[in-house]
Amino acid sequence: MGGGVGYYRGEFVRKFSEVELEVLQRKIAIGIHVSTSMDYIIHKNLSARFEMKFRNPQYTVISKYTKTEIKYQGTTIQLPEDSFDTKIDIDGLTFSLGLVVNF
């Protein structure tokens, strides 16, 4: 069993019609890591290994739209002028199964 901490830097693109999102500030992203594994001895020098890893990074960006009004399918849509926070949360889970040869 193991664990740790990771640093993440993320980027994303949000664009619709002719409006894009301008990123004003990125906040530091710290995530946890948890790992556990088990070996099952098949033969004297051969074992099967099962491993599970989990991580959960989160980061926040402050953004604002490049325009405040767009026309979409004949309708005028008003967009906010102020900046806003976007919180991005990524859950990652991996499972591994493999063979281990010991010499």
PDB file of N, CA and C in Angstrom:
ATOM      1  N   MET A   1       0.844  -1.162   0.000  1.00  0.00           N
ATOM      2  CA  MET A   1       0.000   0.000   0.000  1.00  0.00           C
ATOM      3  C   MET A   1       0.891   1.227   0.000  1.00  0.00           C
ATOM      4  N   GLY A   2       0.473   2.261  -0.705  1.00  0.00           N
ATOM      5  CA  GLY A   2       1.265   3.480  -0.761  1.00  0.00           C
ATOM      6  C   GLY A   2       0.392   4.682  -1.028  1.00  0.00           C
ATOM      7  N   GLY A   3       1.002   5.823  -0.981  1.00  0.00           N
ATOM      8  CA  GLY A   3       0.259   7.060  -1.224  1.00  0.00           C
ATOM      9  C   GLY A   3       1.212   8.195  -1.507  1.00  0.00           C
ATOM     10  N   GLY A   4       0.654   9.314  -1.878  1.00  0.00           N
ATOM     11  CA  GLY A   4       1.487  10.467  -2.162  1.00  0.00           C
ATOM     12  C   GLY A   4       0.650  11.655  -2.568  1.00  0.00           C
ATOM     13  N   VAL A   5       1.364  12.681  -3.007  1.00  0.00           N
ATOM     14  CA  VAL A   5       0.737  13.925  -3.422  1.00  0.00           C
ATOM     15  C   VAL A   5       1.266  14.277  -4.798  1.00  0.00           C
ATOM     16  N   GLY A   6       0.418  14.834  -5.646  1.00  0.00           N
ATOM     17  CA  GLY A   6       0.836  15.234  -6.983  1.00  0.00           C
ATOM     18  C   GLY A   6       0.472  16.677  -7.263  1.00  0.00           C
ATOM     19  N   TYR A   7       1.239  17.314  -8.142  1.00  0.00           N
ATOM     20  CA  TYR A   7       0.968  18.678  -8.587  1.00  0.00           C
ATOM     21  C   TYR A   7       0.463  18.599 -10.020  1.00  0.00           C
ATOM     22  N   TYR A   8      -0.602  19.316 -10.317  1.00  0.00           N
ATOM     23  CA  TYR A   8      -1.210  19.254 -11.642  1.00  0.00           C
ATOM     24  C   TYR A   8      -1.370  20.651 -12.228  1.00  0.00           C
ATOM     25  N   ARG A   9      -1.141  20.734 -13.513  1.00  0.00           N
ATOM     26  CA  ARG A   9      -1.386  21.959 -14.264  1.00  0.00           C
ATOM     27  C   ARG A   9      -2.296  21.579 -15.414  1.00  0.00           C
ATOM     28  N   GLY A  10      -3.473  22.094 -15.410  1.00  0.00           N
ATOM     29  CA  GLY A  10      -4.438  21.723 -16.430  1.00  0.00           C
ATOM     30  C   GLY A  10      -4.813  22.884 -17.323  1.00  0.00           C
ATOM     31  N   GLU A  11      -5.234  22.554 -18.512  1.00  0.00           N
ATOM     32  CA  GLU A  11      -5.746  23.541 -19.454  1.00  0.00           C
ATOM     33  C   GLU A  11      -6.976  22.963 -20.125  1.00  0.00           C
ATOM     34  N   PHE A  12      -7.890  23.842 -20.481  1.00  0.00           N
ATOM     35  CA  PHE A  12      -9.063  23.405 -21.206  1.00  0.00           C
ATOM     36  C   PHE A  12      -9.469  24.499 -22.182  1.00  0.00           C
ATOM     37  N   VAL A  13     -10.256  24.108 -23.171  1.00  0.00           N
ATOM     38  CA  VAL A  13     -10.746  25.048 -24.177  1.00  0.00           C
ATOM     39  C   VAL A  13     -12.268  25.027 -24.107  1.00  0.00           C
ATOM     40  N   ARG A  14     -12.839  26.191 -23.930  1.00  0.00           N
ATOM     41  CA  ARG A  14     -14.294  26.308 -23.955  1.00  0.00           C
ATOM     42  C   ARG A  14     -14.622  27.337 -25.024  1.00  0.00           C
ATOM     43  N   LYS A  15     -15.267  26.888 -26.091  1.00  0.00           N
ATOM     44  CA  LYS A  15     -15.578  27.766 -27.209  1.00  0.00           C
ATOM     45  C   LYS A  15     -16.914  27.347 -27.797  1.00  0.00           C
ATOM     46  N   PHE A  16     -17.783  28.302 -28.024  1.00  0.00           N
ATOM     47  CA  PHE A  16     -19.012  28.039 -28.750  1.00  0.00           C
ATOM     48  C   PHE A  16     -19.324  29.253 -29.610  1.00  0.00           C
ATOM     49  N   SER A  17     -19.875  28.982 -30.776  1.00  0.00           N
ATOM     50  CA  SER A  17     -20.122  30.024 -31.757  1.00  0.00           C
ATOM     51  C   SER A  17     -18.820  30.802 -31.949  1.00  0.00           C
ATOM     52  N   GLU A  18     -18.842  32.133 -31.829  1.00  0.00           N
ATOM     53  CA  GLU A  18     -17.611  32.918 -31.983  1.00  0.00           C
ATOM     54  C   GLU A  18     -17.062  33.412 -30.644  1.00  0.00           C
ATOM     55  N   VAL A  19     -17.506  32.821 -29.542  1.00  0.00           N
ATOM     56  CA  VAL A  19     -17.079  33.252 -28.207  1.00  0.00           C
ATOM     57  C   VAL A  19     -16.122  32.237 -27.603  1.00  0.00           C
ATOM     58  N   GLU A  20     -15.047  32.751 -27.039  1.00  0.00           N
ATOM     59  CA  GLU A  20     -14.089  31.900 -26.335  1.00  0.00           C
ATOM     60  C   GLU A  20     -14.012  32.323 -24.886  1.00  0.00           C
ATOM     61  N   LEU A  21     -13.394  31.497 -24.104  1.00  0.00           N
ATOM     62  CA  LEU A  21     -13.185  31.784 -22.690  1.00  0.00           C
ATOM     63  C   LEU A  21     -11.742  32.222 -22.497  1.00  0.00           C
ATOM     64  N   GLU A  22     -11.542  33.334 -21.838  1.00  0.00           N
ATOM     65  CA  GLU A  22     -10.207  33.838 -21.540  1.00  0.00           C
ATOM     66  C   GLU A  22      -9.876  33.480 -20.092  1.00  0.00           C
ATOM     67  N   VAL A  23      -8.782  32.753 -19.898  1.00  0.00           N
ATOM     68  CA  VAL A  23      -8.361  32.361 -18.550  1.00  0.00           C
ATOM     69  C   VAL A  23      -7.559  33.504 -17.947  1.00  0.00           C
ATOM     70  N   LEU A  24      -8.034  34.019 -16.811  1.00  0.00           N
ATOM     71  CA  LEU A  24      -7.374  35.135 -16.133  1.00  0.00           C
ATOM     72  C   LEU A  24      -6.375  34.675 -15.080  1.00  0.00           C
ATOM     73  N   GLN A  25      -6.689  33.569 -14.398  1.00  0.00           N
ATOM     74  CA  GLN A  25      -5.808  33.082 -13.333  1.00  0.00           C
ATOM     75  C   GLN A  25      -6.005  31.585 -13.148  1.00  0.00           C
ATOM     76  N   ARG A  26      -4.899  30.883 -12.913  1.00  0.00           N
ATOM     77  CA  ARG A  26      -4.925  29.451 -12.578  1.00  0.00           C
ATOM     78  C   ARG A  26      -4.463  29.298 -11.146  1.00  0.00           C
ATOM     79  N   LYS A  27      -5.176  28.511 -10.376  1.00  0.00           N
ATOM     80  CA  LYS A  27      -4.754  28.242  -8.999  1.00  0.00           C
ATOM     81  C   LYS A  27      -4.035  26.902  -8.957  1.00  0.00           C
ATOM     82  N   ILE A  28      -3.136  26.746  -8.011  1.00  0.00           N
ATOM     83  CA  ILE A  28      -2.339  25.521  -7.873  1.00  0.00           C
ATOM     84  C   ILE A  28      -3.251  24.331  -7.613  1.00  0.00           C
ATOM     85  N   ALA A  29      -2.932  23.226  -8.250  1.00  0.00           N
ATOM     86  CA  ALA A  29      -3.718  22.012  -8.074  1.00  0.00           C
ATOM     87  C   ALA A  29      -2.879  20.954  -7.384  1.00  0.00           C
ATOM     88  N   ILE A  30      -3.360  20.481  -6.259  1.00  0.00           N
ATOM     89  CA  ILE A  30      -2.703  19.414  -5.516  1.00  0.00           C
ATOM     90  C   ILE A  30      -3.687  18.253  -5.445  1.00  0.00           C
ATOM     91  N   GLY A  31      -3.209  17.046  -5.680  1.00  0.00           N
ATOM     92  CA  GLY A  31      -4.075  15.876  -5.638  1.00  0.00           C
ATOM     93  C   GLY A  31      -3.457  14.762  -4.829  1.00  0.00           C
ATOM     94  N   ILE A  32      -4.308  13.873  -4.333  1.00  0.00           N
ATOM     95  CA  ILE A  32      -3.826  12.727  -3.563  1.00  0.00           C
ATOM     96  C   ILE A  32      -3.652  11.526  -4.484  1.00  0.00           C
ATOM     97  N   HIS A  33      -2.761  10.651  -4.092  1.00  0.00           N
ATOM     98  CA  HIS A  33      -2.532   9.392  -4.795  1.00  0.00           C
ATOM     99  C   HIS A  33      -2.610   8.267  -3.768  1.00  0.00           C
ATOM    100  N   VAL A  34      -3.309   7.212  -4.101  1.00  0.00           N
ATOM    101  CA  VAL A  34      -3.382   6.034  -3.237  1.00  0.00           C
ATOM    102  C   VAL A  34      -3.150   4.817  -4.126  1.00  0.00           C
ATOM    103  N   SER A  35      -2.303   3.912  -3.682  1.00  0.00           N
ATOM    104  CA  SER A  35      -1.988   2.720  -4.463  1.00  0.00           C
ATOM    105  C   SER A  35      -1.962   1.502  -3.545  1.00  0.00           C
ATOM    106  N   THR A  36      -2.500   0.417  -4.039  1.00  0.00           N
ATOM    107  CA  THR A  36      -2.425  -0.841  -3.304  1.00  0.00           C
ATOM    108  C   THR A  36      -2.225  -1.974  -4.302  1.00  0.00           C
ATOM    109  N   SER A  37      -1.482  -2.975  -3.911  1.00  0.00           N
ATOM    110  CA  SER A  37      -1.239  -4.103  -4.811  1.00  0.00           C
ATOM    111  C   SER A  37      -1.116  -5.389  -4.003  1.00  0.00           C
ATOM    112  N   MET A  38      -1.255  -6.498  -4.734  1.00  0.00           N
ATOM    113  CA  MET A  38      -1.173  -7.809  -4.110  1.00  0.00           C
ATOM    114  C   MET A  38      -0.508  -8.761  -5.105  1.00  0.00           C
ATOM    115  N   ASP A  39       0.400  -9.599  -4.609  1.00  0.00           N
ATOM    116  CA  ASP A  39       1.022 -10.637  -5.433  1.00  0.00           C
ATOM    117  C   ASP A  39       0.508 -12.002  -4.988  1.00  0.00           C
ATOM    118  N   TYR A  40       0.198 -12.846  -5.975  1.00  0.00           N
ATOM    119  CA  TYR A  40      -0.208 -14.215  -5.698  1.00  0.00           C
ATOM    120  C   TYR A  40       0.851 -15.123  -6.324  1.00  0.00           C
ATOM    121  N   ILE A  41       1.540 -15.908  -5.497  1.00  0.00           N
ATOM    122  CA  ILE A  41       2.630 -16.757  -5.989  1.00  0.00           C
ATOM    123  C   ILE A  41       2.030 -17.970  -6.700  1.00  0.00           C
ATOM    124  N   ILE A  42       2.319 -18.041  -8.002  1.00  0.00           N
ATOM    125  CA  ILE A  42       1.826 -19.146  -8.824  1.00  0.00           C
ATOM    126  C   ILE A  42       2.788 -20.325  -8.760  1.00  0.00           C
ATOM    127  N   HIS A  43       4.059 -20.011  -8.890  1.00  0.00           N
ATOM    128  CA  HIS A  43       5.122 -21.006  -8.858  1.00  0.00           C
ATOM    129  C   HIS A  43       6.305 -20.379  -8.119  1.00  0.00           C
ATOM    130  N   LYS A  44       7.362 -21.122  -7.928  1.00  0.00           N
ATOM    131  CA  LYS A  44       8.523 -20.679  -7.152  1.00  0.00           C
ATOM    132  C   LYS A  44       9.011 -19.277  -7.529  1.00  0.00           C
ATOM    133  N   ASN A  45       9.198 -18.978  -8.807  1.00  0.00           N
ATOM    134  CA  ASN A  45       9.722 -17.684  -9.257  1.00  0.00           C
ATOM    135  C   ASN A  45       8.705 -16.864 -10.049  1.00  0.00           C
ATOM    136  N   LEU A  46       7.445 -17.231 -10.003  1.00  0.00           N
ATOM    137  CA  LEU A  46       6.429 -16.574 -10.822  1.00  0.00           C
ATOM    138  C   LEU A  46       5.223 -16.211  -9.954  1.00  0.00           C
ATOM    139  N   SER A  47       4.785 -14.984 -10.085  1.00  0.00           N
ATOM    140  CA  SER A  47       3.591 -14.560  -9.340  1.00  0.00           C
ATOM    141  C   SER A  47       2.734 -13.650 -10.214  1.00  0.00           C
ATOM    142  N   ALA A  48       1.467 -13.583  -9.874  1.00  0.00           N
ATOM    143  CA  ALA A  48       0.530 -12.673 -10.545  1.00  0.00           C
ATOM    144  C   ALA A  48       0.355 -11.459  -9.643  1.00  0.00           C
ATOM    145  N   ARG A  49       0.337 -10.279 -10.250  1.00  0.00           N
ATOM    146  CA  ARG A  49       0.205  -9.045  -9.470  1.00  0.00           C
ATOM    147  C   ARG A  49      -1.059  -8.298  -9.893  1.00  0.00           C
ATOM    148  N   PHE A  50      -1.838  -7.904  -8.893  1.00  0.00           N
ATOM    149  CA  PHE A  50      -3.013  -7.074  -9.094  1.00  0.00           C
ATOM    150  C   PHE A  50      -2.752  -5.750  -8.386  1.00  0.00           C
ATOM    151  N   GLU A  51      -2.987  -4.645  -9.092  1.00  0.00           N
ATOM    152  CA  GLU A  51      -2.716  -3.335  -8.517  1.00  0.00           C
ATOM    153  C   GLU A  51      -3.862  -2.371  -8.817  1.00  0.00           C
ATOM    154  N   MET A  52      -4.178  -1.526  -7.860  1.00  0.00           N
ATOM    155  CA  MET A  52      -5.174  -0.483  -8.034  1.00  0.00           C
ATOM    156  C   MET A  52      -4.551   0.851  -7.637  1.00  0.00           C
ATOM    157  N   LYS A  53      -4.716   1.865  -8.498  1.00  0.00           N
ATOM    158  CA  LYS A  53      -4.230   3.211  -8.208  1.00  0.00           C
ATOM    159  C   LYS A  53      -5.397   4.176  -8.336  1.00  0.00           C
ATOM    160  N   PHE A  54      -5.436   5.129  -7.406  1.00  0.00           N
ATOM    161  CA  PHE A  54      -6.479   6.135  -7.396  1.00  0.00           C
ATOM    162  C   PHE A  54      -5.834   7.502  -7.241  1.00  0.00           C
ATOM    163  N   ARG A  55      -6.342   8.478  -7.978  1.00  0.00           N
ATOM    164  CA  ARG A  55      -5.884   9.851  -7.803  1.00  0.00           C
ATOM    165  C   ARG A  55      -7.067  10.791  -7.992  1.00  0.00           C
ATOM    166  N   ASN A  56      -6.982  11.961  -7.341  1.00  0.00           N
ATOM    167  CA  ASN A  56      -8.095  12.892  -7.368  1.00  0.00           C
ATOM    168  C   ASN A  56      -7.600  14.337  -7.392  1.00  0.00           C
ATOM    169  N   PRO A  57      -7.079  14.788  -8.550  1.00  0.00           N
ATOM    170  CA  PRO A  57      -6.641  16.188  -8.601  1.00  0.00           C
ATOM    171  C   PRO A  57      -7.825  17.141  -8.802  1.00  0.00           C
ATOM    172  N   GLN A  58      -7.712  18.321  -8.226  1.00  0.00           N
ATOM    173  CA  GLN A  58      -8.696  19.388  -8.396  1.00  0.00           C
ATOM    174  C   GLN A  58      -7.944  20.683  -8.658  1.00  0.00           C
ATOM    175  N   TYR A  59      -8.447  21.463  -9.595  1.00  0.00           N
ATOM    176  CA  TYR A  59      -7.869  22.791  -9.765  1.00  0.00           C
ATOM    177  C   TYR A  59      -8.959  23.773 -10.166  1.00  0.00           C
ATOM    178  N   THR A  60      -8.678  25.042  -9.906  1.00  0.00           N
ATOM    179  CA  THR A  60      -9.647  26.107 -10.153  1.00  0.00           C
ATOM    180  C   THR A  60      -9.022  27.146 -11.069  1.00  0.00           C
ATOM    181  N   VAL A  61      -9.805  27.622 -12.035  1.00  0.00           N
ATOM    182  CA  VAL A  61      -9.369  28.712 -12.904  1.00  0.00           C
ATOM    183  C   VAL A  61     -10.390  29.839 -12.820  1.00  0.00           C
ATOM    184  N   ILE A  62      -9.919  31.062 -12.969  1.00  0.00           N
ATOM    185  CA  ILE A  62     -10.796  32.225 -13.044  1.00  0.00           C
ATOM    186  C   ILE A  62     -10.810  32.669 -14.497  1.00  0.00           C
ATOM    187  N   SER A  63     -12.010  32.759 -15.062  1.00  0.00           N
ATOM    188  CA  SER A  63     -12.159  33.034 -16.491  1.00  0.00           C
ATOM    189  C   SER A  63     -13.210  34.105 -16.729  1.00  0.00           C
ATOM    190  N   LYS A  64     -13.251  34.578 -17.982  1.00  0.00           N
ATOM    191  CA  LYS A  64     -14.343  35.446 -18.421  1.00  0.00           C
ATOM    192  C   LYS A  64     -14.504  35.275 -19.924  1.00  0.00           C
ATOM    193  N   TYR A  65     -15.700  35.554 -20.412  1.00  0.00           N
ATOM    194  CA  TYR A  65     -15.984  35.447 -21.837  1.00  0.00           C
ATOM    195  C   TYR A  65     -15.389  36.624 -22.592  1.00  0.00           C
ATOM    196  N   THR A  66     -14.989  36.392 -23.840  1.00  0.00           N
ATOM    197  CA  THR A  66     -14.390  37.439 -24.659  1.00  0.00           C
ATOM    198  C   THR A  66     -15.432  38.394 -25.226  1.00  0.00           C
ATOM    199  N   LYS A  67     -16.692  37.977 -25.270  1.00  0.00           N
ATOM    200  CA  LYS A  67     -17.792  38.830 -25.738  1.00  0.00           C
ATOM    201  C   LYS A  67     -18.939  38.730 -24.744  1.00  0.00           C
ATOM    202  N   THR A  68     -19.799  39.722 -24.743  1.00  0.00           N
ATOM    203  CA  THR A  68     -20.927  39.705 -23.802  1.00  0.00           C
ATOM    204  C   THR A  68     -22.252  39.385 -24.476  1.00  0.00           C
ATOM    205  N   GLU A  69     -22.253  39.311 -25.793  1.00  0.00           N
ATOM    206  CA  GLU A  69     -23.490  39.025 -26.512  1.00  0.00           C
ATOM    207  C   GLU A  69     -23.170  38.255 -27.777  1.00  0.00           C
ATOM    208  N   ILE A  70     -23.946  37.205 -28.038  1.00  0.00           N
ATOM    209  CA  ILE A  70     -23.784  36.447 -29.279  1.00  0.00           C
ATOM    210  C   ILE A  70     -25.153  36.142 -29.862  1.00  0.00           C
ATOM    211  N   LYS A  71     -25.153  35.835 -31.145  1.00  0.00           N
ATOM    212  CA  LYS A  71     -26.373  35.367 -31.791  1.00  0.00           C
ATOM    213  C   LYS A  71     -26.186  33.890 -32.083  1.00  0.00           C
ATOM    214  N   TYR A  72     -27.130  33.092 -31.614  1.00  0.00           N
ATOM    215  CA  TYR A  72     -27.056  31.644 -31.798  1.00  0.00           C
ATOM    216  C   TYR A  72     -28.403  31.157 -32.301  1.00  0.00           C
ATOM    217  N   GLN A  73     -28.420  30.611 -33.490  1.00  0.00           N
ATOM    218  CA  GLN A  73     -29.632  30.110 -34.146  1.00  0.00           C
ATOM    219  C   GLN A  73     -30.746  31.150 -34.121  1.00  0.00           C
ATOM    220  N   GLY A  74     -30.394  32.400 -34.454  1.00  0.00           N
ATOM    221  CA  GLY A  74     -31.377  33.465 -34.539  1.00  0.00           C
ATOM    222  C   GLY A  74     -31.769  34.094 -33.216  1.00  0.00           C
ATOM    223  N   THR A  75     -31.212  33.635 -32.118  1.00  0.00           N
ATOM    224  CA  THR A  75     -31.530  34.167 -30.794  1.00  0.00           C
ATOM    225  C   THR A  75     -30.306  34.893 -30.233  1.00  0.00           C
ATOM    226  N   THR A  76     -30.533  36.061 -29.641  1.00  0.00           N
ATOM    227  CA  THR A  76     -29.446  36.796 -28.996  1.00  0.00           C
ATOM    228  C   THR A  76     -29.305  36.312 -27.558  1.00  0.00           C
ATOM    229  N   ILE A  77     -28.090  35.938 -27.196  1.00  0.00           N
ATOM    230  CA  ILE A  77     -27.809  35.418 -25.855  1.00  0.00           C
ATOM    231  C   ILE A  77     -26.865  36.378 -25.158  1.00  0.00           C
ATOM    232  N   GLN A  78     -27.244  36.800 -23.949  1.00  0.00           N
ATOM    233  CA  GLN A  78     -26.413  37.675 -23.133  1.00  0.00           C
ATOM    234  C   GLN A  78     -25.493  36.815 -22.252  1.00  0.00           C
ATOM    235  N   LEU A  79     -24.213  37.125 -22.279  1.00  0.00           N
ATOM    236  CA  LEU A  79     -23.237  36.422 -21.451  1.00  0.00           C
ATOM    237  C   LEU A  79     -22.780  37.337 -20.321  1.00  0.00           C
ATOM    238  N   PRO A  80     -22.375  36.772 -19.198  1.00  0.00           N
ATOM    239  CA  PRO A  80     -21.935  37.621 -18.079  1.00  0.00           C
ATOM    240  C   PRO A  80     -20.650  38.382 -18.410  1.00  0.00           C
ATOM    241  N   GLU A  81     -20.567  39.610 -17.899  1.00  0.00           N
ATOM    242  CA  GLU A  81     -19.370  40.436 -18.112  1.00  0.00           C
ATOM    243  C   GLU A  81     -18.298  40.144 -17.077  1.00  0.00           C
ATOM    244  N   ASP A  82     -18.708  39.721 -15.896  1.00  0.00           N
ATOM    245  CA  ASP A  82     -17.772  39.490 -14.797  1.00  0.00           C
ATOM    246  C   ASP A  82     -17.025  38.175 -14.962  1.00  0.00           C
ATOM    247  N   SER A  83     -15.892  38.085 -14.284  1.00  0.00           N
ATOM    248  CA  SER A  83     -15.138  36.833 -14.269  1.00  0.00           C
ATOM    249  C   SER A  83     -15.833  35.836 -13.334  1.00  0.00           C
ATOM    250  N   PHE A  84     -15.527  34.569 -13.507  1.00  0.00           N
ATOM    251  CA  PHE A  84     -16.143  33.525 -12.688  1.00  0.00           C
ATOM    252  C   PHE A  84     -15.157  32.388 -12.483  1.00  0.00           C
ATOM    253  N   ASP A  85     -15.368  31.632 -11.419  1.00  0.00           N
ATOM    254  CA  ASP A  85     -14.520  30.477 -11.097  1.00  0.00           C
ATOM    255  C   ASP A  85     -15.063  29.225 -11.758  1.00  0.00           C
ATOM    256  N   THR A  86     -14.150  28.383 -12.224  1.00  0.00           N
ATOM    257  CA  THR A  86     -14.502  27.057 -12.720  1.00  0.00           C
ATOM    258  C   THR A  86     -13.650  26.057 -11.959  1.00  0.00           C
ATOM    259  N   LYS A  87     -14.290  25.136 -11.279  1.00  0.00           N
ATOM    260  CA  LYS A  87     -13.580  24.108 -10.520  1.00  0.00           C
ATOM    261  C   LYS A  87     -13.594  22.816 -11.340  1.00  0.00           C
ATOM    262  N   ILE A  88     -12.423  22.274 -11.591  1.00  0.00           N
ATOM    263  CA  ILE A  88     -12.283  21.051 -12.369  1.00  0.00           C
ATOM    264  C   ILE A  88     -11.820  19.950 -11.431  1.00  0.00           C
ATOM    265  N   ASP A  89     -12.560  18.875 -11.387  1.00  0.00           N
ATOM    266  CA  ASP A  89     -12.296  17.750 -10.492  1.00  0.00           C
ATOM    267  C   ASP A  89     -12.178  16.494 -11.352  1.00  0.00           C
ATOM    268  N   ILE A  90     -11.030  15.835 -11.275  1.00  0.00           N
ATOM    269  CA  ILE A  90     -10.778  14.654 -12.102  1.00  0.00           C
ATOM    270  C   ILE A  90     -10.562  13.458 -11.189  1.00  0.00           C
ATOM    271  N   ASP A  91     -11.395  12.461 -11.333  1.00  0.00           N
ATOM    272  CA  ASP A  91     -11.216  11.207 -10.596  1.00  0.00           C
ATOM    273  C   ASP A  91     -10.563  10.199 -11.528  1.00  0.00           C
ATOM    274  N   GLY A  92      -9.452   9.634 -11.109  1.00  0.00           N
ATOM    275  CA  GLY A  92      -8.753   8.648 -11.924  1.00  0.00           C
ATOM    276  C   GLY A  92      -8.578   7.353 -11.156  1.00  0.00           C
ATOM    277  N   LEU A  93      -8.954   6.265 -11.773  1.00  0.00           N
ATOM    278  CA  LEU A  93      -8.844   4.950 -11.149  1.00  0.00           C
ATOM    279  C   LEU A  93      -8.323   3.975 -12.194  1.00  0.00           C
ATOM    280  N   THR A  94      -7.216   3.283 -11.888  1.00  0.00           N
ATOM    281  CA  THR A  94      -6.676   2.286 -12.809  1.00  0.00           C
ATOM    282  C   THR A  94      -6.498   0.958 -12.089  1.00  0.00           C
ATOM    283  N   PHE A  95      -6.724  -0.103 -12.843  1.00  0.00           N
ATOM    284  CA  PHE A  95      -6.498  -1.459 -12.367  1.00  0.00           C
ATOM    285  C   PHE A  95      -5.471  -2.106 -13.277  1.00  0.00           C
ATOM    286  N   SER A  96      -4.521  -2.820 -12.694  1.00  0.00           N
ATOM    287  CA  SER A  96      -3.490  -3.509 -13.464  1.00  0.00           C
ATOM    288  C   SER A  96      -3.407  -4.957 -13.032  1.00  0.00           C
ATOM    289  N   LEU A  97      -3.174  -5.820 -14.009  1.00  0.00           N
ATOM    290  CA  LEU A  97      -2.961  -7.239 -13.743  1.00  0.00           C
ATOM    291  C   LEU A  97      -1.743  -7.637 -14.561  1.00  0.00           C
ATOM    292  N   GLY A  98      -0.753  -8.276 -13.901  1.00  0.00           N
ATOM    293  CA  GLY A  98       0.457  -8.639 -14.617  1.00  0.00           C
ATOM    294  C   GLY A  98       1.165  -9.821 -13.990  1.00  0.00           C
ATOM    295  N   LEU A  99       2.224 -10.244 -14.647  1.00  0.00           N
ATOM    296  CA  LEU A  99       3.053 -11.338 -14.152  1.00  0.00           C
ATOM    297  C   LEU A  99       4.374 -10.777 -13.655  1.00  0.00           C
ATOM    298  N   VAL A 100       4.862 -11.352 -12.564  1.00  0.00           N
ATOM    299  CA  VAL A 100       6.144 -10.950 -11.992  1.00  0.00           C
ATOM    300  C   VAL A 100       7.048 -12.159 -11.979  1.00  0.00           C
ATOM    301  N   VAL A 101       8.256 -11.988 -12.525  1.00  0.00           N
ATOM    302  CA  VAL A 101       9.258 -13.058 -12.538  1.00  0.00           C
ATOM    303  C   VAL A 101      10.371 -12.658 -11.579  1.00  0.00           C
ATOM    304  N   ASN A 102      10.642 -13.509 -10.616  1.00  0.00           N
ATOM    305  CA  ASN A 102      11.694 -13.252  -9.621  1.00  0.00           C
ATOM    306  C   ASN A 102      12.907 -14.125  -9.935  1.00  0.00           C
ATOM    307  N   PHE A 103      14.082 -13.507  -9.988  1.00  0.00           N
ATOM    308  CA  PHE A 103      15.315 -14.241 -10.255  1.00  0.00           C
ATOM    309  C   PHE A 103      16.120 -14.388  -8.998  1.00  0.00           C
TER     310      PHE A 103
END
